[in-house]
Amino acid sequence: KDIALKLIPESQSAELIWATPNLEMNPEDYKN
């Protein structure tokens, strides 16, 4: 539960939409 993903079935891919602050990742870096 330390991350949340959104599945995109049509492209068999997913997006990172949230991560725990413990990961020290900026939200703008999720898209990377």
Full PDB file with SEQRES, HELIX, SHEET, SSBOND, CRYST1, ORIGX, SCALE, CONECT and MASTER records, all heavy atoms in Angstrom:
SEQRES   1 A   32  LYS ASP ILE ALA LEU LYS LEU ILE PRO GLU SER GLN SER          
SEQRES   2 A   32  ALA GLU LEU ILE TRP ALA THR PRO ASN LEU GLU MET ASN          
SEQRES   3 A   32  PRO GLU ASP TYR LYS ASN                                      
HELIX    1 AA1 PRO A    9  SER A   11  5                                   3    
HELIX    2 AA2 PRO A   21  LEU A   23  5                                   3    
HELIX    3 AA3 PRO A   27  ASP A   29  5                                   3    
SHEET    1 AA1 2 ILE A   3  ILE A   8  0                                        
SHEET    2 AA1 2 SER A  13  ALA A  19 -1                                        
CRYST1    1.000    1.000    1.000  90.00  90.00  90.00 P 1           1          
ORIGX1      1.000000  0.000000  0.000000        0.00000                         
ORIGX2      0.000000  1.000000  0.000000        0.00000                         
ORIGX3      0.000000  0.000000  1.000000        0.00000                         
SCALE1      1.000000  0.000000  0.000000        0.00000                         
SCALE2      0.000000  1.000000  0.000000        0.00000                         
SCALE3      0.000000  0.000000  1.000000        0.00000                         
ATOM      1  N   LYS A   1       0.809  -1.221   0.000  1.00  0.00           N  
ATOM      2  CA  LYS A   1       0.000   0.000   0.000  1.00  0.00           C  
ATOM      3  C   LYS A   1       0.839   1.266   0.000  1.00  0.00           C  
ATOM      4  O   LYS A   1       0.309   2.367   0.145  1.00  0.00           O  
ATOM      5  CB  LYS A   1      -0.958  -0.015   1.189  1.00  0.00           C  
ATOM      6  CG  LYS A   1      -2.001  -1.139   1.105  1.00  0.00           C  
ATOM      7  CD  LYS A   1      -3.037  -1.041   2.198  1.00  0.00           C  
ATOM      8  CE  LYS A   1      -4.070  -2.153   2.068  1.00  0.00           C  
ATOM      9  NZ  LYS A   1      -5.163  -2.055   3.049  1.00  0.00           N  
ATOM     10  N   ASP A   2       2.147   1.122  -0.199  1.00  0.00           N  
ATOM     11  CA  ASP A   2       3.022   2.288  -0.234  1.00  0.00           C  
ATOM     12  C   ASP A   2       3.069   2.957  -1.596  1.00  0.00           C  
ATOM     13  O   ASP A   2       3.685   4.025  -1.745  1.00  0.00           O  
ATOM     14  CB  ASP A   2       4.449   1.904   0.188  1.00  0.00           C  
ATOM     15  CG  ASP A   2       4.561   1.720   1.693  1.00  0.00           C  
ATOM     16  OD1 ASP A   2       3.729   2.281   2.418  1.00  0.00           O  
ATOM     17  OD2 ASP A   2       5.481   1.009   2.133  1.00  0.00           O  
ATOM     18  N   ILE A   3       2.458   2.344  -2.599  1.00  0.00           N  
ATOM     19  CA  ILE A   3       2.283   3.005  -3.890  1.00  0.00           C  
ATOM     20  C   ILE A   3       0.873   2.707  -4.407  1.00  0.00           C  
ATOM     21  O   ILE A   3       0.216   1.765  -3.948  1.00  0.00           O  
ATOM     22  CB  ILE A   3       3.318   2.565  -4.949  1.00  0.00           C  
ATOM     23  CG1 ILE A   3       3.142   1.080  -5.301  1.00  0.00           C  
ATOM     24  CG2 ILE A   3       4.725   2.869  -4.505  1.00  0.00           C  
ATOM     25  CD1 ILE A   3       3.928   0.663  -6.537  1.00  0.00           C  
ATOM     26  N   ALA A   4       0.422   3.518  -5.345  1.00  0.00           N  
ATOM     27  CA  ALA A   4      -0.862   3.283  -6.018  1.00  0.00           C  
ATOM     28  C   ALA A   4      -0.637   3.404  -7.517  1.00  0.00           C  
ATOM     29  O   ALA A   4       0.059   4.316  -7.976  1.00  0.00           O  
ATOM     30  CB  ALA A   4      -1.923   4.272  -5.549  1.00  0.00           C  
ATOM     31  N   LEU A   5      -1.232   2.476  -8.261  1.00  0.00           N  
ATOM     32  CA  LEU A   5      -1.074   2.428  -9.706  1.00  0.00           C  
ATOM     33  C   LEU A   5      -2.428   2.507 -10.400  1.00  0.00           C  
ATOM     34  O   LEU A   5      -3.447   2.105  -9.838  1.00  0.00           O  
ATOM     35  CB  LEU A   5      -0.383   1.123 -10.128  1.00  0.00           C  
ATOM     36  CG  LEU A   5       1.020   0.862  -9.573  1.00  0.00           C  
ATOM     37  CD1 LEU A   5       1.464  -0.550  -9.921  1.00  0.00           C  
ATOM     38  CD2 LEU A   5       2.010   1.883 -10.103  1.00  0.00           C  
ATOM     39  N   LYS A   6      -2.410   3.009 -11.617  1.00  0.00           N  
ATOM     40  CA  LYS A   6      -3.591   2.992 -12.479  1.00  0.00           C  
ATOM     41  C   LYS A   6      -3.283   2.115 -13.678  1.00  0.00           C  
ATOM     42  O   LYS A   6      -2.346   2.399 -14.441  1.00  0.00           O  
ATOM     43  CB  LYS A   6      -3.944   4.406 -12.935  1.00  0.00           C  
ATOM     44  CG  LYS A   6      -5.111   4.460 -13.925  1.00  0.00           C  
ATOM     45  CD  LYS A   6      -5.334   5.868 -14.438  1.00  0.00           C  
ATOM     46  CE  LYS A   6      -6.455   5.905 -15.475  1.00  0.00           C  
ATOM     47  NZ  LYS A   6      -6.645   7.276 -16.023  1.00  0.00           N  
ATOM     48  N   LEU A   7      -4.056   1.052 -13.862  1.00  0.00           N  
ATOM     49  CA  LEU A   7      -3.871   0.172 -15.006  1.00  0.00           C  
ATOM     50  C   LEU A   7      -4.494   0.774 -16.262  1.00  0.00           C  
ATOM     51  O   LEU A   7      -5.574   1.371 -16.198  1.00  0.00           O  
ATOM     52  CB  LEU A   7      -4.491  -1.201 -14.744  1.00  0.00           C  
ATOM     53  CG  LEU A   7      -3.590  -2.266 -14.100  1.00  0.00           C  
ATOM     54  CD1 LEU A   7      -3.081  -1.796 -12.743  1.00  0.00           C  
ATOM     55  CD2 LEU A   7      -4.329  -3.590 -13.970  1.00  0.00           C  
ATOM     56  N   ILE A   8      -3.808   0.604 -17.393  1.00  0.00           N  
ATOM     57  CA  ILE A   8      -4.303   1.068 -18.693  1.00  0.00           C  
ATOM     58  C   ILE A   8      -4.349  -0.159 -19.606  1.00  0.00           C  
ATOM     59  O   ILE A   8      -3.398  -0.443 -20.340  1.00  0.00           O  
ATOM     60  CB  ILE A   8      -3.396   2.165 -19.272  1.00  0.00           C  
ATOM     61  CG1 ILE A   8      -3.173   3.268 -18.236  1.00  0.00           C  
ATOM     62  CG2 ILE A   8      -3.991   2.747 -20.551  1.00  0.00           C  
ATOM     63  CD1 ILE A   8      -2.160   4.298 -18.642  1.00  0.00           C  
ATOM     64  N   PRO A   9      -5.443  -0.913 -19.569  1.00  0.00           N  
ATOM     65  CA  PRO A   9      -5.509  -2.205 -20.275  1.00  0.00           C  
ATOM     66  C   PRO A   9      -5.278  -2.112 -21.779  1.00  0.00           C  
ATOM     67  O   PRO A   9      -4.670  -3.015 -22.367  1.00  0.00           O  
ATOM     68  CB  PRO A   9      -6.927  -2.698 -19.960  1.00  0.00           C  
ATOM     69  CG  PRO A   9      -7.315  -1.994 -18.703  1.00  0.00           C  
ATOM     70  CD  PRO A   9      -6.663  -0.652 -18.796  1.00  0.00           C  
ATOM     71  N   GLU A  10      -5.738  -1.032 -22.409  1.00  0.00           N  
ATOM     72  CA  GLU A  10      -5.633  -0.946 -23.869  1.00  0.00           C  
ATOM     73  C   GLU A  10      -4.191  -0.909 -24.357  1.00  0.00           C  
ATOM     74  O   GLU A  10      -3.894  -1.304 -25.491  1.00  0.00           O  
ATOM     75  CB  GLU A  10      -6.389   0.265 -24.411  1.00  0.00           C  
ATOM     76  CG  GLU A  10      -5.972   1.599 -23.819  1.00  0.00           C  
ATOM     77  CD  GLU A  10      -6.778   1.980 -22.590  1.00  0.00           C  
ATOM     78  OE1 GLU A  10      -7.311   1.072 -21.922  1.00  0.00           O  
ATOM     79  OE2 GLU A  10      -6.864   3.185 -22.311  1.00  0.00           O  
ATOM     80  N   SER A  11      -3.269  -0.448 -23.509  1.00  0.00           N  
ATOM     81  CA  SER A  11      -1.848  -0.421 -23.878  1.00  0.00           C  
ATOM     82  C   SER A  11      -1.018  -1.383 -23.027  1.00  0.00           C  
ATOM     83  O   SER A  11       0.207  -1.372 -23.123  1.00  0.00           O  
ATOM     84  CB  SER A  11      -1.290   1.001 -23.747  1.00  0.00           C  
ATOM     85  OG  SER A  11      -1.430   1.482 -22.412  1.00  0.00           O  
ATOM     86  N   GLN A  12      -1.692  -2.195 -22.206  1.00  0.00           N  
ATOM     87  CA  GLN A  12      -1.008  -3.138 -21.312  1.00  0.00           C  
ATOM     88  C   GLN A  12       0.099  -2.417 -20.529  1.00  0.00           C  
ATOM     89  O   GLN A  12       1.238  -2.857 -20.457  1.00  0.00           O  
ATOM     90  CB  GLN A  12      -0.433  -4.318 -22.089  1.00  0.00           C  
ATOM     91  CG  GLN A  12      -1.495  -5.210 -22.718  1.00  0.00           C  
ATOM     92  CD  GLN A  12      -0.911  -6.363 -23.485  1.00  0.00           C  
ATOM     93  OE1 GLN A  12      -0.397  -6.192 -24.586  1.00  0.00           O  
ATOM     94  NE2 GLN A  12      -0.975  -7.551 -22.919  1.00  0.00           N  
ATOM     95  N   SER A  13      -0.292  -1.290 -19.956  1.00  0.00           N  
ATOM     96  CA  SER A  13       0.656  -0.476 -19.205  1.00  0.00           C  
ATOM     97  C   SER A  13      -0.005   0.007 -17.921  1.00  0.00           C  
ATOM     98  O   SER A  13      -1.168  -0.299 -17.638  1.00  0.00           O  
ATOM     99  CB  SER A  13       1.132   0.716 -20.044  1.00  0.00           C  
ATOM    100  OG  SER A  13       0.051   1.576 -20.351  1.00  0.00           O  
ATOM    101  N   ALA A  14       0.735   0.766 -17.134  1.00  0.00           N  
ATOM    102  CA  ALA A  14       0.204   1.327 -15.894  1.00  0.00           C  
ATOM    103  C   ALA A  14       0.920   2.633 -15.596  1.00  0.00           C  
ATOM    104  O   ALA A  14       2.001   2.899 -16.134  1.00  0.00           O  
ATOM    105  CB  ALA A  14       0.369   0.341 -14.740  1.00  0.00           C  
ATOM    106  N   GLU A  15       0.298   3.435 -14.743  1.00  0.00           N  
ATOM    107  CA  GLU A  15       0.887   4.703 -14.312  1.00  0.00           C  
ATOM    108  C   GLU A  15       1.018   4.715 -12.792  1.00  0.00           C  
ATOM    109  O   GLU A  15       0.124   4.233 -12.084  1.00  0.00           O  
ATOM    110  CB  GLU A  15       0.015   5.877 -14.746  1.00  0.00           C  
ATOM    111  CG  GLU A  15      -0.107   6.056 -16.240  1.00  0.00           C  
ATOM    112  CD  GLU A  15      -1.058   7.185 -16.607  1.00  0.00           C  
ATOM    113  OE1 GLU A  15      -1.745   7.707 -15.695  1.00  0.00           O  
ATOM    114  OE2 GLU A  15      -1.120   7.539 -17.796  1.00  0.00           O  
ATOM    115  N   LEU A  16       2.111   5.266 -12.312  1.00  0.00           N  
ATOM    116  CA  LEU A  16       2.280   5.503 -10.885  1.00  0.00           C  
ATOM    117  C   LEU A  16       1.523   6.782 -10.533  1.00  0.00           C  
ATOM    118  O   LEU A  16       1.814   7.847 -11.080  1.00  0.00           O  
ATOM    119  CB  LEU A  16       3.764   5.649 -10.552  1.00  0.00           C  
ATOM    120  CG  LEU A  16       4.126   5.925  -9.091  1.00  0.00           C  
ATOM    121  CD1 LEU A  16       3.720   4.763  -8.192  1.00  0.00           C  
ATOM    122  CD2 LEU A  16       5.626   6.201  -8.960  1.00  0.00           C  
ATOM    123  N   ILE A  17       0.536   6.677  -9.637  1.00  0.00           N  
ATOM    124  CA  ILE A  17      -0.280   7.853  -9.313  1.00  0.00           C  
ATOM    125  C   ILE A  17      -0.060   8.351  -7.891  1.00  0.00           C  
ATOM    126  O   ILE A  17      -0.507   9.448  -7.547  1.00  0.00           O  
ATOM    127  CB  ILE A  17      -1.777   7.576  -9.552  1.00  0.00           C  
ATOM    128  CG1 ILE A  17      -2.278   6.399  -8.695  1.00  0.00           C  
ATOM    129  CG2 ILE A  17      -2.036   7.329 -11.034  1.00  0.00           C  
ATOM    130  CD1 ILE A  17      -3.783   6.176  -8.780  1.00  0.00           C  
ATOM    131  N   TRP A  18       0.588   7.559  -7.053  1.00  0.00           N  
ATOM    132  CA  TRP A  18       0.876   8.001  -5.683  1.00  0.00           C  
ATOM    133  C   TRP A  18       1.968   7.124  -5.103  1.00  0.00           C  
ATOM    134  O   TRP A  18       2.067   5.926  -5.426  1.00  0.00           O  
ATOM    135  CB  TRP A  18      -0.369   7.897  -4.792  1.00  0.00           C  
ATOM    136  CG  TRP A  18      -0.112   8.314  -3.366  1.00  0.00           C  
ATOM    137  CD1 TRP A  18      -0.139   9.577  -2.853  1.00  0.00           C  
ATOM    138  CD2 TRP A  18       0.256   7.455  -2.277  1.00  0.00           C  
ATOM    139  NE1 TRP A  18       0.176   9.563  -1.514  1.00  0.00           N  
ATOM    140  CE2 TRP A  18       0.423   8.265  -1.124  1.00  0.00           C  
ATOM    141  CE3 TRP A  18       0.445   6.075  -2.153  1.00  0.00           C  
ATOM    142  CZ2 TRP A  18       0.780   7.754   0.121  1.00  0.00           C  
ATOM    143  CZ3 TRP A  18       0.813   5.547  -0.924  1.00  0.00           C  
ATOM    144  CH2 TRP A  18       0.966   6.388   0.207  1.00  0.00           C  
ATOM    145  N   ALA A  19       2.815   7.720  -4.269  1.00  0.00           N  
ATOM    146  CA  ALA A  19       3.855   6.967  -3.559  1.00  0.00           C  
ATOM    147  C   ALA A  19       4.013   7.534  -2.161  1.00  0.00           C  
ATOM    148  O   ALA A  19       3.852   8.743  -1.935  1.00  0.00           O  
ATOM    149  CB  ALA A  19       5.181   7.026  -4.308  1.00  0.00           C  
ATOM    150  N   THR A  20       4.316   6.669  -1.218  1.00  0.00           N  
ATOM    151  CA  THR A  20       4.525   7.098   0.158  1.00  0.00           C  
ATOM    152  C   THR A  20       5.659   8.122   0.241  1.00  0.00           C  
ATOM    153  O   THR A  20       6.662   8.011  -0.482  1.00  0.00           O  
ATOM    154  CB  THR A  20       4.873   5.896   1.046  1.00  0.00           C  
ATOM    155  OG1 THR A  20       5.253   6.352   2.357  1.00  0.00           O  
ATOM    156  CG2 THR A  20       6.038   5.099   0.491  1.00  0.00           C  
ATOM    157  N   PRO A  21       5.537   9.118   1.121  1.00  0.00           N  
ATOM    158  CA  PRO A  21       6.623  10.086   1.303  1.00  0.00           C  
ATOM    159  C   PRO A  21       7.931   9.428   1.736  1.00  0.00           C  
ATOM    160  O   PRO A  21       9.005  10.011   1.537  1.00  0.00           O  
ATOM    161  CB  PRO A  21       6.081  11.017   2.400  1.00  0.00           C  
ATOM    162  CG  PRO A  21       4.595  10.900   2.286  1.00  0.00           C  
ATOM    163  CD  PRO A  21       4.332   9.475   1.895  1.00  0.00           C  
ATOM    164  N   ASN A  22       7.847   8.220   2.305  1.00  0.00           N  
ATOM    165  CA  ASN A  22       9.066   7.513   2.709  1.00  0.00           C  
ATOM    166  C   ASN A  22       9.968   7.204   1.523  1.00  0.00           C  
ATOM    167  O   ASN A  22      11.167   6.955   1.692  1.00  0.00           O  
ATOM    168  CB  ASN A  22       8.712   6.208   3.424  1.00  0.00           C  
ATOM    169  CG  ASN A  22       7.990   6.440   4.733  1.00  0.00           C  
ATOM    170  OD1 ASN A  22       8.132   7.504   5.348  1.00  0.00           O  
ATOM    171  ND2 ASN A  22       7.214   5.470   5.181  1.00  0.00           N  
ATOM    172  N   LEU A  23       9.400   7.207   0.338  1.00  0.00           N  
ATOM    173  CA  LEU A  23      10.183   6.905  -0.863  1.00  0.00           C  
ATOM    174  C   LEU A  23      11.005   8.101  -1.330  1.00  0.00           C  
ATOM    175  O   LEU A  23      11.908   7.957  -2.157  1.00  0.00           O  
ATOM    176  CB  LEU A  23       9.245   6.442  -1.989  1.00  0.00           C  
ATOM    177  CG  LEU A  23       9.850   5.669  -3.146  1.00  0.00           C  
ATOM    178  CD1 LEU A  23      10.620   4.452  -2.676  1.00  0.00           C  
ATOM    179  CD2 LEU A  23       8.756   5.231  -4.115  1.00  0.00           C  
ATOM    180  N   GLU A  24      10.707   9.286  -0.794  1.00  0.00           N  
ATOM    181  CA  GLU A  24      11.446  10.503  -1.141  1.00  0.00           C  
ATOM    182  C   GLU A  24      11.460  10.732  -2.656  1.00  0.00           C  
ATOM    183  O   GLU A  24      12.483  11.069  -3.253  1.00  0.00           O  
ATOM    184  CB  GLU A  24      12.865  10.464  -0.579  1.00  0.00           C  
ATOM    185  CG  GLU A  24      12.900  10.409   0.952  1.00  0.00           C  
ATOM    186  CD  GLU A  24      14.300  10.457   1.517  1.00  0.00           C  
ATOM    187  OE1 GLU A  24      15.262  10.509   0.729  1.00  0.00           O  
ATOM    188  OE2 GLU A  24      14.430  10.461   2.752  1.00  0.00           O  
ATOM    189  N   MET A  25      10.303  10.527  -3.280  1.00  0.00           N  
ATOM    190  CA  MET A  25      10.148  10.763  -4.710  1.00  0.00           C  
ATOM    191  C   MET A  25       9.161  11.904  -4.913  1.00  0.00           C  
ATOM    192  O   MET A  25       8.069  11.887  -4.350  1.00  0.00           O  
ATOM    193  CB  MET A  25       9.632   9.506  -5.417  1.00  0.00           C  
ATOM    194  CG  MET A  25       9.501   9.663  -6.927  1.00  0.00           C  
ATOM    195  SD  MET A  25       8.595   8.283  -7.700  1.00  0.00           S  
ATOM    196  CE  MET A  25       9.610   6.899  -7.256  1.00  0.00           C  
ATOM    197  N   ASN A  26       9.548  12.892  -5.694  1.00  0.00           N  
ATOM    198  CA  ASN A  26       8.654  14.002  -5.973  1.00  0.00           C  
ATOM    199  C   ASN A  26       7.525  13.552  -6.895  1.00  0.00           C  
ATOM    200  O   ASN A  26       7.761  12.792  -7.848  1.00  0.00           O  
ATOM    201  CB  ASN A  26       9.419  15.148  -6.637  1.00  0.00           C  
ATOM    202  CG  ASN A  26      10.450  15.763  -5.721  1.00  0.00           C  
ATOM    203  OD1 ASN A  26      10.210  15.912  -4.524  1.00  0.00           O  
ATOM    204  ND2 ASN A  26      11.607  16.117  -6.269  1.00  0.00           N  
ATOM    205  N   PRO A  27       6.294  14.002  -6.642  1.00  0.00           N  
ATOM    206  CA  PRO A  27       5.169  13.619  -7.514  1.00  0.00           C  
ATOM    207  C   PRO A  27       5.407  13.901  -8.987  1.00  0.00           C  
ATOM    208  O   PRO A  27       4.931  13.159  -9.844  1.00  0.00           O  
ATOM    209  CB  PRO A  27       4.009  14.442  -6.954  1.00  0.00           C  
ATOM    210  CG  PRO A  27       4.352  14.633  -5.508  1.00  0.00           C  
ATOM    211  CD  PRO A  27       5.847  14.785  -5.475  1.00  0.00           C  
ATOM    212  N   GLU A  28       6.153  14.959  -9.295  1.00  0.00           N  
ATOM    213  CA  GLU A  28       6.413  15.260 -10.704  1.00  0.00           C  
ATOM    214  C   GLU A  28       7.318  14.212 -11.367  1.00  0.00           C  
ATOM    215  O   GLU A  28       7.434  14.165 -12.596  1.00  0.00           O  
ATOM    216  CB  GLU A  28       7.028  16.656 -10.870  1.00  0.00           C  
ATOM    217  CG  GLU A  28       8.313  16.876 -10.107  1.00  0.00           C  
ATOM    218  CD  GLU A  28       8.074  17.522  -8.740  1.00  0.00           C  
ATOM    219  OE1 GLU A  28       6.994  17.308  -8.157  1.00  0.00           O  
ATOM    220  OE2 GLU A  28       8.978  18.244  -8.287  1.00  0.00           O  
ATOM    221  N   ASP A  29       7.961  13.366 -10.532  1.00  0.00           N  
ATOM    222  CA  ASP A  29       8.826  12.316 -11.070  1.00  0.00           C  
ATOM    223  C   ASP A  29       8.084  11.002 -11.298  1.00  0.00           C  
ATOM    224  O   ASP A  29       8.668  10.057 -11.844  1.00  0.00           O  
ATOM    225  CB  ASP A  29      10.013  12.064 -10.129  1.00  0.00           C  
ATOM    226  CG  ASP A  29      10.953  13.254 -10.052  1.00  0.00           C  
ATOM    227  OD1 ASP A  29      11.048  13.996 -11.057  1.00  0.00           O  
ATOM    228  OD2 ASP A  29      11.590  13.451  -9.003  1.00  0.00           O  
ATOM    229  N   TYR A  30       6.829  10.923 -10.880  1.00  0.00           N  
ATOM    230  CA  TYR A  30       6.066   9.683 -11.084  1.00  0.00           C  
ATOM    231  C   TYR A  30       6.053   9.278 -12.557  1.00  0.00           C  
ATOM    232  O   TYR A  30       6.133   8.092 -12.893  1.00  0.00           O  
ATOM    233  CB  TYR A  30       4.612   9.847 -10.606  1.00  0.00           C  
ATOM    234  CG  TYR A  30       4.419  10.028  -9.125  1.00  0.00           C  
ATOM    235  CD1 TYR A  30       3.163  10.355  -8.614  1.00  0.00           C  
ATOM    236  CD2 TYR A  30       5.468   9.878  -8.221  1.00  0.00           C  
ATOM    237  CE1 TYR A  30       2.956  10.525  -7.250  1.00  0.00           C  
ATOM    238  CE2 TYR A  30       5.275  10.048  -6.861  1.00  0.00           C  
ATOM    239  CZ  TYR A  30       4.007  10.378  -6.382  1.00  0.00           C  
ATOM    240  OH  TYR A  30       3.799  10.548  -5.033  1.00  0.00           O  
ATOM    241  N   LYS A  31       5.945  10.274 -13.429  1.00  0.00           N  
ATOM    242  CA  LYS A  31       5.817   9.991 -14.862  1.00  0.00           C  
ATOM    243  C   LYS A  31       7.074   9.366 -15.452  1.00  0.00           C  
ATOM    244  O   LYS A  31       7.038   8.802 -16.564  1.00  0.00           O  
ATOM    245  CB  LYS A  31       5.492  11.274 -15.621  1.00  0.00           C  
ATOM    246  CG  LYS A  31       6.593  12.334 -15.573  1.00  0.00           C  
ATOM    247  CD  LYS A  31       6.179  13.593 -16.310  1.00  0.00           C  
ATOM    248  CE  LYS A  31       7.310  14.626 -16.332  1.00  0.00           C  
ATOM    249  NZ  LYS A  31       7.675  15.066 -14.959  1.00  0.00           N  
ATOM    250  N   ASN A  32       8.194   9.445 -14.739  1.00  0.00           N  
ATOM    251  CA  ASN A  32       9.443   8.857 -15.239  1.00  0.00           C  
ATOM    252  C   ASN A  32       9.437   7.334 -15.161  1.00  0.00           C  
ATOM    253  O   ASN A  32      10.247   6.678 -15.824  1.00  0.00           O  
ATOM    254  CB  ASN A  32      10.639   9.394 -14.446  1.00  0.00           C  
ATOM    255  CG  ASN A  32      10.824  10.892 -14.628  1.00  0.00           C  
ATOM    256  OD1 ASN A  32      10.428  11.456 -15.652  1.00  0.00           O  
ATOM    257  ND2 ASN A  32      11.416  11.543 -13.642  1.00  0.00           N  
TER     258      ASN A  32                                                      
MASTER        0    0    0    3    2    0    0    6  257    1    0    3          
END                                                                             
